[in-house]
């Protein structure tokens, strides 16, 4: 039987616990270590899950542990680039929580090191394993709505001091921007469904709001390489329930979240058909499908294949975010170079 992969968690906060539980549930993984700046946090997370594993307070000691093959980076956003670089150079496979970087320079450097190190990476766009995403991808593969000519995805989540990740979100040097801090899920989803790249963006922000160092609400019109158009929005101060809106308009029909209108698949259809499935309708990390994400990373390592959600793909998502933030700040359209 093949040796189990040794997994480690770096960071001991809210999302770290969900990563840890998914590693424990995977038959080919063994949780070997937890690392946190505070020793009591690492020991608490281990004790809560009945673990007798190594605990570290220095990342350098964690990446030097020969029993560790995979590291989940669950630390504050601004730390991800340096930790990715050090982990990759140590030969560790990495699951990097989003955003992976807050600046284009950091993004470029960490990507280059990962390519040189040849380690496997998955970036934490965990909604790829949400059942609605599977449903939509299946419908698109069946050409249910034909060529998409317009698409929009919205991330609306009221995040304030009551939210566990607030300390990482509101500051410019840790949250970055509305799209970087959380709306990046919408940007990734748009690219995932469209399977083509954006070449130009024009964005607007609503202006600073109380408690944030940047505008928590931003909207962007985007143009794709084939002439299709779309819209992206992110609001972190919406007053109302969490919303993740997906609208795809095609030449043969349309998809609105879990509702389908398809004259190709359903001739004579007079109203939307609703598909009962699990929606991406919660900001609670316990609702997110980390089991699928962890299983995907393990499969990529075991079968020596690159993930479609790896750092290379995430670079394009982050480049689009930086372009939208630049457009909003400068009040002008911004072009993206391809590939």
Protein backbone atom coordinates (compact mmCIF):
# COMPACT_ATOMS: atom_id res chain seq x y z
CA UNK A 1 0.00 0.00 0.00
CA UNK A 2 1.27 3.47 -0.89
CA UNK A 3 2.56 5.65 1.94
CA UNK A 4 0.06 8.12 3.28
CA UNK A 5 0.72 11.77 2.54
CA UNK A 6 1.68 13.80 5.59
CA UNK A 7 -0.44 16.94 5.87
CA UNK A 8 0.11 20.07 7.94
CA UNK A 9 -1.98 23.13 8.75
CA UNK A 10 -0.25 26.51 8.97
CA UNK A 11 -2.49 28.93 10.83
CA UNK A 12 -5.03 27.85 13.44
CA UNK A 13 -8.07 30.00 12.73
CA UNK A 14 -11.61 29.34 11.51
CA UNK A 15 -10.88 27.98 8.03
CA UNK A 16 -7.90 25.96 9.32
CA UNK A 17 -10.24 23.72 11.27
CA UNK A 18 -12.16 22.80 8.12
CA UNK A 19 -8.97 21.97 6.22
CA UNK A 20 -7.86 19.80 9.13
CA UNK A 21 -11.14 17.85 9.29
CA UNK A 22 -10.99 17.13 5.55
CA UNK A 23 -7.44 15.80 5.83
CA UNK A 24 -8.55 13.56 8.70
CA UNK A 25 -11.40 12.20 6.58
CA UNK A 26 -9.15 11.40 3.60
CA UNK A 27 -7.92 7.78 3.69
CA UNK A 28 -4.60 8.64 2.03
CA UNK A 29 -3.65 11.47 4.40
CA UNK A 30 -2.27 11.68 7.90
CA UNK A 31 -2.25 14.95 9.84
CA UNK A 32 1.33 15.37 10.98
CA UNK A 33 1.61 18.94 12.27
CA UNK A 34 -0.12 22.21 13.10
CA UNK A 35 1.71 25.52 13.03
CA UNK A 36 0.63 28.84 14.49
CA UNK A 37 2.29 32.00 15.71
CA UNK A 38 0.72 31.23 19.09
CA UNK A 39 1.57 27.82 20.52
CA UNK A 40 -1.68 27.68 22.49
CA UNK A 41 -3.67 28.10 19.26
CA UNK A 42 -1.93 25.15 17.61
CA UNK A 43 -2.36 22.99 20.70
CA UNK A 44 -6.02 23.99 21.02
CA UNK A 45 -6.78 23.00 17.42
CA UNK A 46 -5.01 19.66 17.93
CA UNK A 47 -6.86 18.97 21.18
CA UNK A 48 -10.24 19.87 19.69
CA UNK A 49 -9.71 17.15 17.10
CA UNK A 50 -8.16 14.55 19.39
CA UNK A 51 -4.74 14.78 17.76
CA UNK A 52 -1.32 14.05 19.18
CA UNK A 53 0.71 15.69 16.42
CA UNK A 54 3.69 18.00 16.20
CA UNK A 55 3.03 21.69 16.85
CA UNK A 56 5.24 24.54 15.69
CA UNK A 57 5.39 28.29 16.23
CA UNK A 58 7.93 28.88 13.43
CA UNK A 59 7.07 28.24 9.79
CA UNK A 60 10.75 27.45 9.17
CA UNK A 61 10.46 24.45 11.51
CA UNK A 62 7.26 23.26 9.84
CA UNK A 63 8.72 23.22 6.32
CA UNK A 64 11.81 21.44 7.65
CA UNK A 65 9.70 18.54 8.97
CA UNK A 66 10.41 15.52 6.73
CA UNK A 67 7.05 13.96 7.63
CA UNK A 68 5.13 16.83 6.00
CA UNK A 69 4.28 16.51 2.29
CA UNK A 70 1.36 18.98 2.03
CA UNK A 71 0.80 22.31 3.76
CA UNK A 72 -2.48 24.22 3.90
CA UNK A 73 -1.70 27.93 4.18
CA UNK A 74 -4.50 29.34 6.35
CA UNK A 75 -2.72 32.46 7.52
CA UNK A 76 -3.48 36.19 6.98
CA UNK A 77 -3.52 37.16 3.31
CA UNK A 78 -0.38 39.29 3.30
CA UNK A 79 1.71 36.31 4.46
CA UNK A 80 0.77 33.97 1.61
CA UNK A 81 3.48 34.99 -0.92
CA UNK A 82 6.47 34.51 1.41
CA UNK A 83 5.03 31.29 2.84
CA UNK A 84 4.32 29.92 -0.64
CA UNK A 85 7.87 30.71 -1.76
CA UNK A 86 9.48 29.12 1.29
CA UNK A 87 7.20 26.08 1.20
CA UNK A 88 7.76 25.47 -2.51
CA UNK A 89 11.52 25.74 -2.13
CA UNK A 90 11.29 23.15 0.64
CA UNK A 91 9.49 20.80 -1.77
CA UNK A 92 6.10 20.94 -0.07
CA UNK A 93 2.86 20.71 -2.03
CA UNK A 94 0.59 23.63 -1.15
CA UNK A 95 -3.07 24.46 -0.69
CA UNK A 96 -3.06 28.27 -0.66
CA UNK A 97 -6.05 30.11 0.75
CA UNK A 98 -7.20 33.09 -1.27
CA UNK A 99 -6.19 35.71 -2.07
CA UNK A 100 -2.74 34.32 -2.80
CA UNK A 101 -1.16 37.80 -3.06
CA UNK A 102 -2.07 41.45 -2.58
CA UNK A 103 0.37 42.87 -5.15
CA UNK A 104 1.27 41.99 -8.71
CA UNK A 105 4.99 41.81 -7.84
CA UNK A 106 4.38 39.23 -5.10
CA UNK A 107 2.11 37.27 -7.42
CA UNK A 108 4.77 37.09 -10.13
CA UNK A 109 7.55 36.07 -7.72
CA UNK A 110 5.65 33.29 -5.97
CA UNK A 111 4.41 31.91 -9.29
CA UNK A 112 7.93 31.74 -10.70
CA UNK A 113 9.23 29.90 -7.63
CA UNK A 114 6.37 27.38 -7.75
CA UNK A 115 7.07 26.69 -11.44
CA UNK A 116 10.76 26.16 -10.70
CA UNK A 117 10.06 23.96 -7.67
CA UNK A 118 7.59 21.74 -9.56
CA UNK A 119 5.38 21.26 -6.51
CA UNK A 120 1.62 20.82 -6.84
CA UNK A 121 -0.62 23.70 -5.84
CA UNK A 122 -4.33 24.25 -5.37
CA UNK A 123 -5.68 27.72 -4.61
CA UNK A 124 -8.63 27.92 -2.22
CA UNK A 125 -11.44 28.56 -4.69
CA UNK A 126 -13.39 25.86 -2.90
CA UNK A 127 -16.66 26.56 -4.73
CA UNK A 128 -15.32 24.50 -7.63
CA UNK A 129 -16.61 21.53 -5.59
CA UNK A 130 -20.00 23.04 -4.79
CA UNK A 131 -22.74 20.89 -6.38
CA UNK A 132 -24.28 23.84 -8.25
CA UNK A 133 -20.95 24.42 -9.97
CA UNK A 134 -20.97 20.76 -11.06
CA UNK A 135 -24.54 21.15 -12.36
CA UNK A 136 -23.70 24.29 -14.35
CA UNK A 137 -20.51 22.82 -15.82
CA UNK A 138 -22.45 19.73 -16.86
CA UNK A 139 -25.15 21.81 -18.54
CA UNK A 140 -22.54 23.86 -20.39
CA UNK A 141 -20.76 20.67 -21.51
CA UNK A 142 -24.09 19.47 -22.92
CA UNK A 143 -24.43 22.80 -24.78
CA UNK A 144 -27.70 23.42 -22.94
CA UNK A 145 -27.66 27.17 -23.52
CA UNK A 146 -25.35 27.41 -26.53
CA UNK A 147 -22.58 29.99 -26.80
CA UNK A 148 -22.62 32.39 -23.85
CA UNK A 149 -22.68 36.02 -24.94
CA UNK A 150 -23.28 37.61 -21.52
CA UNK A 151 -22.35 36.44 -18.03
CA UNK A 152 -22.37 37.92 -14.57
CA UNK A 153 -21.41 36.75 -11.09
CA UNK A 154 -21.95 38.68 -7.86
CA UNK A 155 -20.43 38.18 -4.42
CA UNK A 156 -22.52 40.00 -1.78
CA UNK A 157 -21.61 39.36 1.84
CA UNK A 158 -22.08 41.75 4.73
CA UNK A 159 -18.81 41.44 6.65
CA UNK A 160 -18.40 43.43 9.85
CA UNK A 161 -16.77 43.08 13.27
CA UNK A 162 -19.10 40.17 14.09
CA UNK A 163 -17.51 38.05 11.33
CA UNK A 164 -14.60 35.82 12.33
CA UNK A 165 -12.38 36.95 9.43
CA UNK A 166 -13.06 40.68 9.98
CA UNK A 167 -9.54 41.29 11.32
CA UNK A 168 -8.13 40.08 7.98
CA UNK A 169 -10.63 41.89 5.75
CA UNK A 170 -11.07 45.56 6.60
CA UNK A 171 -7.45 46.74 6.35
CA UNK A 172 -5.86 47.64 3.00
CA UNK A 173 -2.65 45.79 3.87
CA UNK A 174 -4.43 42.54 4.75
CA UNK A 175 -7.73 42.57 2.84
CA UNK A 176 -6.41 44.45 -0.16
CA UNK A 177 -9.72 45.28 -1.85
CA UNK A 178 -13.28 44.03 -2.01
CA UNK A 179 -12.47 41.64 -4.85
CA UNK A 180 -9.21 40.43 -3.30
CA UNK A 181 -10.62 39.93 0.18
CA UNK A 182 -13.60 37.79 -0.85
CA UNK A 183 -15.11 38.76 -4.21
CA UNK A 184 -12.32 36.79 -5.88
CA UNK A 185 -14.67 33.78 -5.67
CA UNK A 186 -16.94 35.55 -8.17
CA UNK A 187 -14.03 36.39 -10.47
CA UNK A 188 -12.81 32.80 -10.42
CA UNK A 189 -16.35 31.51 -11.07
CA UNK A 190 -16.81 33.78 -14.10
CA UNK A 191 -13.58 32.52 -15.66
CA UNK A 192 -14.46 28.91 -14.76
CA UNK A 193 -17.82 29.02 -16.49
CA UNK A 194 -16.78 31.11 -19.50
CA UNK A 195 -13.56 29.17 -20.25
CA UNK A 196 -12.16 32.24 -22.00
CA UNK A 197 -10.22 35.25 -20.83
CA UNK A 198 -11.13 38.89 -20.22
CA UNK A 199 -9.26 41.44 -22.35
CA UNK A 200 -10.65 44.73 -20.97
CA UNK A 201 -12.38 45.97 -17.82
CA UNK A 202 -14.09 49.16 -16.72
CA UNK A 203 -14.83 49.33 -13.00
CA UNK A 204 -16.43 51.68 -10.48
CA UNK A 205 -16.41 51.72 -6.70
CA UNK A 206 -19.01 53.13 -4.35
CA UNK A 207 -16.49 54.95 -2.17
CA UNK A 208 -15.17 54.19 1.32
CA UNK A 209 -17.61 53.09 4.00
CA UNK A 210 -17.31 53.12 7.77
CA UNK A 211 -14.83 50.54 9.05
CA UNK A 212 -13.08 49.85 5.74
CA UNK A 213 -9.81 51.27 4.41
CA UNK A 214 -11.05 50.71 0.85
CA UNK A 215 -14.41 50.73 -0.87
CA UNK A 216 -16.16 47.47 0.05
CA UNK A 217 -18.43 47.72 -3.01
CA UNK A 218 -17.16 47.60 -6.59
CA UNK A 219 -18.68 46.68 -9.96
CA UNK A 220 -16.96 46.03 -13.28
CA UNK A 221 -18.02 45.57 -16.89
CA UNK A 222 -15.75 43.10 -18.66
CA UNK A 223 -15.08 42.21 -22.31
CA UNK A 224 -13.91 38.73 -23.31
CA UNK A 225 -11.47 37.80 -26.03
CA UNK A 226 -14.28 36.50 -28.31
CA UNK A 227 -16.47 39.60 -27.94
CA UNK A 228 -18.74 38.30 -25.16
CA UNK A 229 -19.37 40.71 -22.29
CA UNK A 230 -20.08 40.38 -18.60
CA UNK A 231 -20.36 41.96 -15.18
CA UNK A 232 -18.67 41.29 -11.85
CA UNK A 233 -19.58 42.82 -8.52
CA UNK A 234 -18.42 42.46 -4.95
CA UNK A 235 -20.00 44.04 -1.88
CA UNK A 236 -18.78 43.38 1.65
CA UNK A 237 -21.26 45.70 3.33
CA UNK A 238 -24.53 44.56 1.78
CA UNK A 239 -27.46 44.69 4.21
CA UNK A 240 -29.18 41.36 3.76
CA UNK A 241 -28.50 37.63 3.43
CA UNK A 242 -25.36 36.33 1.69
CA UNK A 243 -25.81 36.15 -2.08
CA UNK A 244 -23.74 34.47 -4.79
CA UNK A 245 -25.56 35.27 -8.02
CA UNK A 246 -24.76 33.48 -11.28
CA UNK A 247 -26.39 34.53 -14.58
CA UNK A 248 -25.34 33.05 -17.92
CA UNK A 249 -27.11 34.11 -21.13
CA UNK A 250 -26.58 31.90 -24.16
CA UNK A 251 -27.84 31.71 -27.72
CA UNK A 252 -30.04 28.70 -26.83
CA UNK A 253 -31.15 29.56 -23.31
CA UNK A 254 -30.03 30.85 -19.93
CA UNK A 255 -28.97 29.76 -16.45
CA UNK A 256 -29.86 31.74 -13.31
CA UNK A 257 -28.26 29.99 -10.35
CA UNK A 258 -30.08 26.63 -10.18
CA UNK A 259 -32.73 27.58 -12.74
CA UNK A 260 -32.50 26.57 -16.38
CA UNK A 261 -34.26 27.69 -19.55
CA UNK A 262 -33.09 25.69 -22.58
CA UNK A 263 -34.98 25.49 -25.86
CA UNK A 264 -32.43 22.90 -26.98
CA UNK A 265 -32.86 20.46 -24.06
CA UNK A 266 -36.46 21.28 -23.11
CA UNK A 267 -38.54 22.05 -26.23
CA UNK A 268 -41.76 23.85 -25.46
CA UNK A 269 -40.51 25.04 -22.08
CA UNK A 270 -42.67 27.87 -20.77
CA UNK A 271 -40.88 28.75 -17.53
CA UNK A 272 -37.61 28.12 -15.74
CA UNK A 273 -36.91 24.56 -14.62
CA UNK A 274 -35.52 24.56 -11.09
CA UNK A 275 -32.81 22.06 -10.26
CA UNK A 276 -32.77 20.99 -6.59
CA UNK A 277 -29.15 21.08 -5.49
CA UNK A 278 -26.84 22.58 -2.88
CA UNK A 279 -26.18 26.25 -3.62
CA UNK A 280 -23.17 28.46 -2.78
CA UNK A 281 -25.42 30.50 -0.52
CA UNK A 282 -23.46 30.80 2.72
CA UNK A 283 -20.33 32.58 3.87
CA UNK A 284 -19.90 30.09 6.72
CA UNK A 285 -16.77 28.03 6.02
CA UNK A 286 -18.42 24.95 7.54
CA UNK A 287 -20.75 25.05 4.50
CA UNK A 288 -17.88 24.89 2.01
CA UNK A 289 -16.89 21.60 0.27
CA UNK A 290 -13.33 21.23 1.57
CA UNK A 291 -13.48 17.42 1.27
CA UNK A 292 -13.63 17.75 -2.50
CA UNK A 293 -10.84 20.31 -2.58
CA UNK A 294 -8.50 18.20 -0.42
CA UNK A 295 -9.30 15.04 -2.39
CA UNK A 296 -8.51 16.89 -5.62
CA UNK A 297 -5.11 18.04 -4.36
CA UNK A 298 -4.24 14.54 -3.16
CA UNK A 299 -5.23 13.09 -6.54
CA UNK A 300 -3.02 15.63 -8.34
CA UNK A 301 -0.05 14.68 -6.16
CA UNK A 302 -0.59 10.94 -6.45
CA UNK A 303 -1.09 11.03 -10.23
CA UNK A 304 1.47 13.76 -10.97
CA UNK A 305 -0.98 16.05 -12.74
CA UNK A 306 -1.62 19.76 -12.55
CA UNK A 307 -4.83 21.07 -11.05
CA UNK A 308 -7.10 23.33 -13.08
CA UNK A 309 -7.28 25.42 -9.89
CA UNK A 310 -3.52 25.71 -9.45
CA UNK A 311 -1.47 28.85 -8.88
CA UNK A 312 -0.92 29.31 -12.61
CA UNK A 313 -4.66 29.60 -13.18
CA UNK A 314 -5.12 31.75 -10.09
CA UNK A 315 -2.56 34.21 -11.47
CA UNK A 316 -5.06 35.06 -14.24
CA UNK A 317 -7.86 35.57 -11.73
CA UNK A 318 -5.69 37.86 -9.61
CA UNK A 319 -4.46 39.79 -12.67
CA UNK A 320 -8.09 40.48 -13.57
CA UNK A 321 -8.76 41.69 -10.02
CA UNK A 322 -5.74 44.02 -10.07
CA UNK A 323 -6.97 45.41 -13.42
CA UNK A 324 -10.46 46.05 -12.02
CA UNK A 325 -9.05 47.74 -8.92
CA UNK A 326 -6.81 49.89 -11.13
CA UNK A 327 -9.70 50.84 -13.38
CA UNK A 328 -11.84 51.89 -10.41
CA UNK A 329 -8.99 53.89 -8.87
CA UNK A 330 -8.02 55.68 -12.10
CA UNK A 331 -11.49 56.08 -13.63
CA UNK A 332 -10.63 54.54 -16.98
CA UNK A 333 -10.83 51.20 -18.83
CA UNK A 334 -7.84 48.87 -18.36
CA UNK A 335 -6.69 46.30 -20.89
CA UNK A 336 -5.29 42.90 -19.97
CA UNK A 337 -2.57 41.30 -22.04
CA UNK A 338 -2.90 37.67 -23.13
CA UNK A 339 -1.96 34.93 -22.59
